[in-house]
Amino acid sequence: MNNDREIDIEIQLSELKVWADRSLFYLAKMFTDQIKPGESYRVFKKCVSISILNFTLFPEEAEFREKAIRDYNEGLLEAEERGRKHGTLSIAKKLIDMGYPTDEIEKITLLSKEDIEKL
């Protein structure tokens, strides 16, 4: 990419049980090839390893990944709902400032009369 990083990209089509160890070794080698004895560690470039695998590397952790994905998606849905609610409340406040009657604001925003009166 540029002179401040090194990238190792590998594609592995068949399952290799030692892939994690091999990948870590290659990544470590990228660092050790950059320095000579007595040099400052500041000479290191950023190193990135990208592995495209045609197998599940850590099958015993599949349920954790699936849960993480579910949690992430639920978090997105909750954030979307909070954003929608915030937008609706902002619109209701603007309508109140413009002098709209409460019953009209209820129809426009679908908020309850009680929620509108709290604003």
C-alpha atoms as a PDB file:
ATOM      1  CA  MET A   1       0.000   0.000   0.000  1.00  0.00           C
ATOM      2  CA  ASN A   2       2.569   2.540   1.121  1.00  0.00           C
ATOM      3  CA  ASN A   3       5.849   2.645   2.994  1.00  0.00           C
ATOM      4  CA  ASP A   4       4.369   2.706   6.506  1.00  0.00           C
ATOM      5  CA  ARG A   5       2.771  -0.761   6.522  1.00  0.00           C
ATOM      6  CA  GLU A   6       3.232  -4.285   5.354  1.00  0.00           C
ATOM      7  CA  ILE A   7       0.338  -6.534   4.396  1.00  0.00           C
ATOM      8  CA  ASP A   8       0.237 -10.310   4.134  1.00  0.00           C
ATOM      9  CA  ILE A   9      -2.808 -11.597   2.219  1.00  0.00           C
ATOM     10  CA  GLU A  10      -3.349 -15.322   2.008  1.00  0.00           C
ATOM     11  CA  ILE A  11      -6.099 -17.551   0.649  1.00  0.00           C
ATOM     12  CA  GLN A  12      -6.457 -21.070   2.040  1.00  0.00           C
ATOM     13  CA  LEU A  13      -8.970 -23.337   0.309  1.00  0.00           C
ATOM     14  CA  SER A  14      -8.385 -26.589   2.167  1.00  0.00           C
ATOM     15  CA  GLU A  15      -8.655 -26.874   5.936  1.00  0.00           C
ATOM     16  CA  LEU A  16      -5.360 -26.515   7.744  1.00  0.00           C
ATOM     17  CA  LYS A  17      -5.541 -27.305  11.477  1.00  0.00           C
ATOM     18  CA  VAL A  18      -2.425 -25.221  12.235  1.00  0.00           C
ATOM     19  CA  TRP A  19      -3.633 -22.126  10.367  1.00  0.00           C
ATOM     20  CA  ALA A  20      -3.806 -19.902  13.468  1.00  0.00           C
ATOM     21  CA  ASP A  21      -0.225 -20.797  14.447  1.00  0.00           C
ATOM     22  CA  ARG A  22       1.029 -20.427  10.875  1.00  0.00           C
ATOM     23  CA  SER A  23      -0.673 -17.065  10.455  1.00  0.00           C
ATOM     24  CA  LEU A  24       0.766 -15.803  13.743  1.00  0.00           C
ATOM     25  CA  PHE A  25       4.231 -17.007  12.714  1.00  0.00           C
ATOM     26  CA  TYR A  26       4.048 -15.172   9.375  1.00  0.00           C
ATOM     27  CA  LEU A  27       2.820 -12.007  11.085  1.00  0.00           C
ATOM     28  CA  ALA A  28       5.659 -12.180  13.626  1.00  0.00           C
ATOM     29  CA  LYS A  29       8.124 -12.762  10.788  1.00  0.00           C
ATOM     30  CA  MET A  30       6.899  -9.561   9.113  1.00  0.00           C
ATOM     31  CA  PHE A  31       8.048  -7.694  12.229  1.00  0.00           C
ATOM     32  CA  THR A  32      11.336  -9.498  12.790  1.00  0.00           C
ATOM     33  CA  ASP A  33      12.365  -8.980   9.164  1.00  0.00           C
ATOM     34  CA  GLN A  34      12.142  -5.203   9.703  1.00  0.00           C
ATOM     35  CA  ILE A  35      14.677  -4.814  12.512  1.00  0.00           C
ATOM     36  CA  LYS A  36      18.358  -5.457  13.052  1.00  0.00           C
ATOM     37  CA  PRO A  37      20.024  -6.114  16.419  1.00  0.00           C
ATOM     38  CA  GLY A  38      20.447  -2.881  18.370  1.00  0.00           C
ATOM     39  CA  GLU A  39      17.874  -0.891  16.343  1.00  0.00           C
ATOM     40  CA  SER A  40      15.063   1.022  18.001  1.00  0.00           C
ATOM     41  CA  TYR A  41      11.605  -0.518  17.914  1.00  0.00           C
ATOM     42  CA  ARG A  42      10.460   2.711  16.272  1.00  0.00           C
ATOM     43  CA  VAL A  43      11.546   1.306  12.892  1.00  0.00           C
ATOM     44  CA  PHE A  44       8.556  -1.024  12.826  1.00  0.00           C
ATOM     45  CA  LYS A  45       5.901  -0.523  10.183  1.00  0.00           C
ATOM     46  CA  LYS A  46       2.313  -1.492  10.855  1.00  0.00           C
ATOM     47  CA  CYS A  47       1.746  -5.109   9.858  1.00  0.00           C
ATOM     48  CA  VAL A  48      -1.584  -6.491   8.724  1.00  0.00           C
ATOM     49  CA  SER A  49      -2.456 -10.112   8.051  1.00  0.00           C
ATOM     50  CA  ILE A  50      -5.573 -10.897   6.012  1.00  0.00           C
ATOM     51  CA  SER A  51      -6.611 -14.536   5.735  1.00  0.00           C
ATOM     52  CA  ILE A  52      -9.398 -15.628   3.413  1.00  0.00           C
ATOM     53  CA  LEU A  53     -10.347 -19.123   4.501  1.00  0.00           C
ATOM     54  CA  ASN A  54     -12.677 -21.713   3.023  1.00  0.00           C
ATOM     55  CA  PHE A  55     -13.249 -23.260   6.450  1.00  0.00           C
ATOM     56  CA  THR A  56     -14.262 -22.246   9.960  1.00  0.00           C
ATOM     57  CA  LEU A  57     -11.100 -21.449  11.862  1.00  0.00           C
ATOM     58  CA  PHE A  58     -12.547 -21.708  15.377  1.00  0.00           C
ATOM     59  CA  PRO A  59     -15.631 -23.961  15.131  1.00  0.00           C
ATOM     60  CA  GLU A  60     -15.900 -24.249  18.925  1.00  0.00           C
ATOM     61  CA  GLU A  61     -16.578 -20.508  19.061  1.00  0.00           C
ATOM     62  CA  ALA A  62     -19.323 -20.443  16.423  1.00  0.00           C
ATOM     63  CA  GLU A  63     -22.086 -19.994  19.008  1.00  0.00           C
ATOM     64  CA  PHE A  64     -20.267 -16.968  20.477  1.00  0.00           C
ATOM     65  CA  ARG A  65     -19.948 -15.383  17.027  1.00  0.00           C
ATOM     66  CA  GLU A  66     -23.628 -16.005  16.328  1.00  0.00           C
ATOM     67  CA  LYS A  67     -24.583 -14.456  19.673  1.00  0.00           C
ATOM     68  CA  ALA A  68     -22.331 -11.464  18.987  1.00  0.00           C
ATOM     69  CA  ILE A  69     -24.028 -10.973  15.613  1.00  0.00           C
ATOM     70  CA  ARG A  70     -27.492 -11.245  17.202  1.00  0.00           C
ATOM     71  CA  ASP A  71     -26.522  -8.783  19.955  1.00  0.00           C
ATOM     72  CA  TYR A  72     -25.099  -6.373  17.373  1.00  0.00           C
ATOM     73  CA  ASN A  73     -28.265  -6.545  15.244  1.00  0.00           C
ATOM     74  CA  GLU A  74     -30.492  -6.071  18.290  1.00  0.00           C
ATOM     75  CA  GLY A  75     -28.389  -3.059  19.273  1.00  0.00           C
ATOM     76  CA  LEU A  76     -28.863  -1.598  15.797  1.00  0.00           C
ATOM     77  CA  LEU A  77     -32.620  -2.094  16.012  1.00  0.00           C
ATOM     78  CA  GLU A  78     -32.747  -0.463  19.448  1.00  0.00           C
ATOM     79  CA  ALA A  79     -30.659   2.480  18.228  1.00  0.00           C
ATOM     80  CA  GLU A  80     -32.892   2.851  15.183  1.00  0.00           C
ATOM     81  CA  GLU A  81     -35.980   2.864  17.393  1.00  0.00           C
ATOM     82  CA  ARG A  82     -34.429   5.466  19.750  1.00  0.00           C
ATOM     83  CA  GLY A  83     -33.556   7.601  16.730  1.00  0.00           C
ATOM     84  CA  ARG A  84     -37.058   7.316  15.359  1.00  0.00           C
ATOM     85  CA  LYS A  85     -38.550   8.247  18.754  1.00  0.00           C
ATOM     86  CA  HIS A  86     -36.160  11.215  19.050  1.00  0.00           C
ATOM     87  CA  GLY A  87     -37.161  12.385  15.574  1.00  0.00           C
ATOM     88  CA  THR A  88     -40.858  12.068  16.375  1.00  0.00           C
ATOM     89  CA  LEU A  89     -40.434  14.042  19.603  1.00  0.00           C
ATOM     90  CA  SER A  90     -38.480  16.743  17.753  1.00  0.00           C
ATOM     91  CA  ILE A  91     -41.269  17.044  15.203  1.00  0.00           C
ATOM     92  CA  ALA A  92     -43.889  17.212  17.958  1.00  0.00           C
ATOM     93  CA  LYS A  93     -41.944  19.985  19.719  1.00  0.00           C
ATOM     94  CA  LYS A  94     -41.730  21.934  16.472  1.00  0.00           C
ATOM     95  CA  LEU A  95     -45.475  21.524  15.898  1.00  0.00           C
ATOM     96  CA  ILE A  96     -46.161  22.747  19.435  1.00  0.00           C
ATOM     97  CA  ASP A  97     -43.930  25.787  18.781  1.00  0.00           C
ATOM     98  CA  MET A  98     -45.881  26.428  15.559  1.00  0.00           C
ATOM     99  CA  GLY A  99     -49.161  26.434  17.516  1.00  0.00           C
ATOM    100  CA  TYR A 100     -50.668  23.179  16.279  1.00  0.00           C
ATOM    101  CA  PRO A 101     -53.417  21.788  18.525  1.00  0.00           C
ATOM    102  CA  THR A 102     -52.652  18.635  20.497  1.00  0.00           C
ATOM    103  CA  ASP A 103     -55.187  16.502  18.617  1.00  0.00           C
ATOM    104  CA  GLU A 104     -53.519  17.413  15.285  1.00  0.00           C
ATOM    105  CA  ILE A 105     -50.063  16.613  16.681  1.00  0.00           C
ATOM    106  CA  GLU A 106     -51.428  13.227  17.827  1.00  0.00           C
ATOM    107  CA  LYS A 107     -52.575  12.468  14.269  1.00  0.00           C
ATOM    108  CA  ILE A 108     -49.318  13.612  12.674  1.00  0.00           C
ATOM    109  CA  THR A 109     -46.844  11.989  15.078  1.00  0.00           C
ATOM    110  CA  LEU A 110     -48.912   9.085  16.464  1.00  0.00           C
ATOM    111  CA  LEU A 111     -47.817  10.147  19.949  1.00  0.00           C
ATOM    112  CA  SER A 112     -50.267   9.921  22.825  1.00  0.00           C
ATOM    113  CA  LYS A 113     -51.844  13.061  24.257  1.00  0.00           C
ATOM    114  CA  GLU A 114     -49.941  12.406  27.492  1.00  0.00           C
ATOM    115  CA  ASP A 115     -46.575  12.223  25.673  1.00  0.00           C
ATOM    116  CA  ILE A 116     -47.303  15.464  23.835  1.00  0.00           C
ATOM    117  CA  GLU A 117     -48.312  17.244  27.035  1.00  0.00           C
ATOM    118  CA  LYS A 118     -44.999  16.185  28.645  1.00  0.00           C
ATOM    119  CA  LEU A 119     -43.164  18.171  25.980  1.00  0.00           C
END
